Amino acid sequence: MLDVQLVNAGFYEISWPEAPGATYVRPGRRESVRVYVPQASPEVEVYAGDLKNGRLVYRGPADHEACLRWLAERQN
C-alpha cells in the first residue's frame, strides 16, 4: 500500500544496492527526497538532499506525521 501512496505523491522506484527493500525517489528543484522501505519492517527512512549523500530527516513508522510531511510536500 505504501508503494501506491509513494507513486501517487510523485515518487518512482529505483534500483539501490545498499540493503534489501525498496527505494523510491522524487527529484525536486532544490533537493531530492529518497524513501527507503526495508523488507519486513513497518518503518521507513526518508532522506533529503543529494541522491547519494542525502541527510536522514526521518526514521520511523510510515504513518507518522513527520514522514507524511516529507512525502506529500512537492516543492522541496
C-alpha atoms as a PDB file:
ATOM      1  CA  MET A   1       0.000   0.000   0.000  1.00  0.00           C
ATOM      2  CA  LEU A   2       2.817   2.416   0.812  1.00  0.00           C
ATOM      3  CA  ASP A   3       4.246   1.915  -2.684  1.00  0.00           C
ATOM      4  CA  VAL A   4       0.966   3.139  -4.212  1.00  0.00           C
ATOM      5  CA  GLN A   5       0.963   6.193  -1.944  1.00  0.00           C
ATOM      6  CA  LEU A   6       4.551   6.992  -2.913  1.00  0.00           C
ATOM      7  CA  VAL A   7       3.812   6.721  -6.631  1.00  0.00           C
ATOM      8  CA  ASN A   8       0.738   8.937  -6.190  1.00  0.00           C
ATOM      9  CA  ALA A   9       2.966  11.513  -4.438  1.00  0.00           C
ATOM     10  CA  GLY A  10       5.305  11.648  -7.451  1.00  0.00           C
ATOM     11  CA  PHE A  11       7.955   9.107  -6.414  1.00  0.00           C
ATOM     12  CA  TYR A  12       9.341   6.384  -8.618  1.00  0.00           C
ATOM     13  CA  GLU A  13      11.168   3.216  -7.625  1.00  0.00           C
ATOM     14  CA  ILE A  14      14.883   2.986  -8.330  1.00  0.00           C
ATOM     15  CA  SER A  15      17.450   0.231  -8.020  1.00  0.00           C
ATOM     16  CA  TRP A  16      19.507   0.830  -4.872  1.00  0.00           C
ATOM     17  CA  PRO A  17      22.170  -1.720  -3.896  1.00  0.00           C
ATOM     18  CA  GLU A  18      22.568  -0.868  -0.186  1.00  0.00           C
ATOM     19  CA  ALA A  19      20.133  -3.217   1.536  1.00  0.00           C
ATOM     20  CA  PRO A  20      17.111  -5.435   0.857  1.00  0.00           C
ATOM     21  CA  GLY A  21      13.965  -3.425   0.400  1.00  0.00           C
ATOM     22  CA  ALA A  22      12.597  -0.806  -1.979  1.00  0.00           C
ATOM     23  CA  THR A  23      13.935   2.684  -2.641  1.00  0.00           C
ATOM     24  CA  TYR A  24      11.823   5.485  -4.078  1.00  0.00           C
ATOM     25  CA  VAL A  25      12.965   8.919  -5.191  1.00  0.00           C
ATOM     26  CA  ARG A  26      11.326  12.187  -6.137  1.00  0.00           C
ATOM     27  CA  PRO A  27      13.587  14.848  -7.630  1.00  0.00           C
ATOM     28  CA  GLY A  28      12.931  18.421  -6.628  1.00  0.00           C
ATOM     29  CA  ARG A  29      14.157  21.851  -7.670  1.00  0.00           C
ATOM     30  CA  ARG A  30      16.320  22.285  -4.589  1.00  0.00           C
ATOM     31  CA  GLU A  31      16.799  18.728  -3.394  1.00  0.00           C
ATOM     32  CA  SER A  32      15.667  15.161  -3.961  1.00  0.00           C
ATOM     33  CA  VAL A  33      13.678  13.125  -1.477  1.00  0.00           C
ATOM     34  CA  ARG A  34      14.602   9.450  -1.177  1.00  0.00           C
ATOM     35  CA  VAL A  35      12.491   6.943   0.744  1.00  0.00           C
ATOM     36  CA  TYR A  36      13.899   3.578   1.758  1.00  0.00           C
ATOM     37  CA  VAL A  37      11.335   0.921   2.692  1.00  0.00           C
ATOM     38  CA  PRO A  38      13.134  -2.064   4.302  1.00  0.00           C
ATOM     39  CA  GLN A  39      11.786  -5.553   3.727  1.00  0.00           C
ATOM     40  CA  ALA A  40       9.603  -6.885   6.544  1.00  0.00           C
ATOM     41  CA  SER A  41       9.673  -3.663   8.553  1.00  0.00           C
ATOM     42  CA  PRO A  42       6.903  -1.179   9.396  1.00  0.00           C
ATOM     43  CA  GLU A  43       9.433   1.678   9.394  1.00  0.00           C
ATOM     44  CA  VAL A  44      10.825   3.804   6.589  1.00  0.00           C
ATOM     45  CA  GLU A  45      13.842   6.092   6.195  1.00  0.00           C
ATOM     46  CA  VAL A  46      13.444   9.442   4.459  1.00  0.00           C
ATOM     47  CA  TYR A  47      16.474  11.314   3.119  1.00  0.00           C
ATOM     48  CA  ALA A  48      16.607  14.800   1.593  1.00  0.00           C
ATOM     49  CA  GLY A  49      19.310  16.481  -0.428  1.00  0.00           C
ATOM     50  CA  ASP A  50      21.737  14.910  -2.861  1.00  0.00           C
ATOM     51  CA  LEU A  51      20.640  11.478  -4.040  1.00  0.00           C
ATOM     52  CA  LYS A  52      23.702   9.596  -2.778  1.00  0.00           C
ATOM     53  CA  ASN A  53      24.667  11.759   0.197  1.00  0.00           C
ATOM     54  CA  GLY A  54      21.287  12.952   1.435  1.00  0.00           C
ATOM     55  CA  ARG A  55      20.698  13.709   5.090  1.00  0.00           C
ATOM     56  CA  LEU A  56      18.399  11.494   7.112  1.00  0.00           C
ATOM     57  CA  VAL A  57      15.316  13.537   8.011  1.00  0.00           C
ATOM     58  CA  TYR A  58      13.067  10.805   9.359  1.00  0.00           C
ATOM     59  CA  ARG A  59      13.271   7.180  10.501  1.00  0.00           C
ATOM     60  CA  GLY A  60      10.186   5.548  11.927  1.00  0.00           C
ATOM     61  CA  PRO A  61       6.678   4.311  11.148  1.00  0.00           C
ATOM     62  CA  ALA A  62       5.396   5.187   7.688  1.00  0.00           C
ATOM     63  CA  ASP A  63       2.157   6.593   9.088  1.00  0.00           C
ATOM     64  CA  HIS A  64       3.860   9.153  11.346  1.00  0.00           C
ATOM     65  CA  GLU A  65       3.094  12.809  10.644  1.00  0.00           C
ATOM     66  CA  ALA A  66       6.732  13.851  10.082  1.00  0.00           C
ATOM     67  CA  CYS A  67       7.167  11.193   7.427  1.00  0.00           C
ATOM     68  CA  LEU A  68       3.968  12.094   5.635  1.00  0.00           C
ATOM     69  CA  ARG A  69       5.004  15.762   5.509  1.00  0.00           C
ATOM     70  CA  TRP A  70       8.189  14.886   3.616  1.00  0.00           C
ATOM     71  CA  LEU A  71       6.363  12.526   1.286  1.00  0.00           C
ATOM     72  CA  ALA A  72       3.474  14.843   0.430  1.00  0.00           C
ATOM     73  CA  GLU A  73       5.445  18.084   0.055  1.00  0.00           C
ATOM     74  CA  ARG A  74       6.132  18.643  -3.639  1.00  0.00           C
ATOM     75  CA  GLN A  75       8.010  21.958  -3.524  1.00  0.00           C
ATOM     76  CA  ASN A  76      11.254  20.742  -1.989  1.00  0.00           C
END
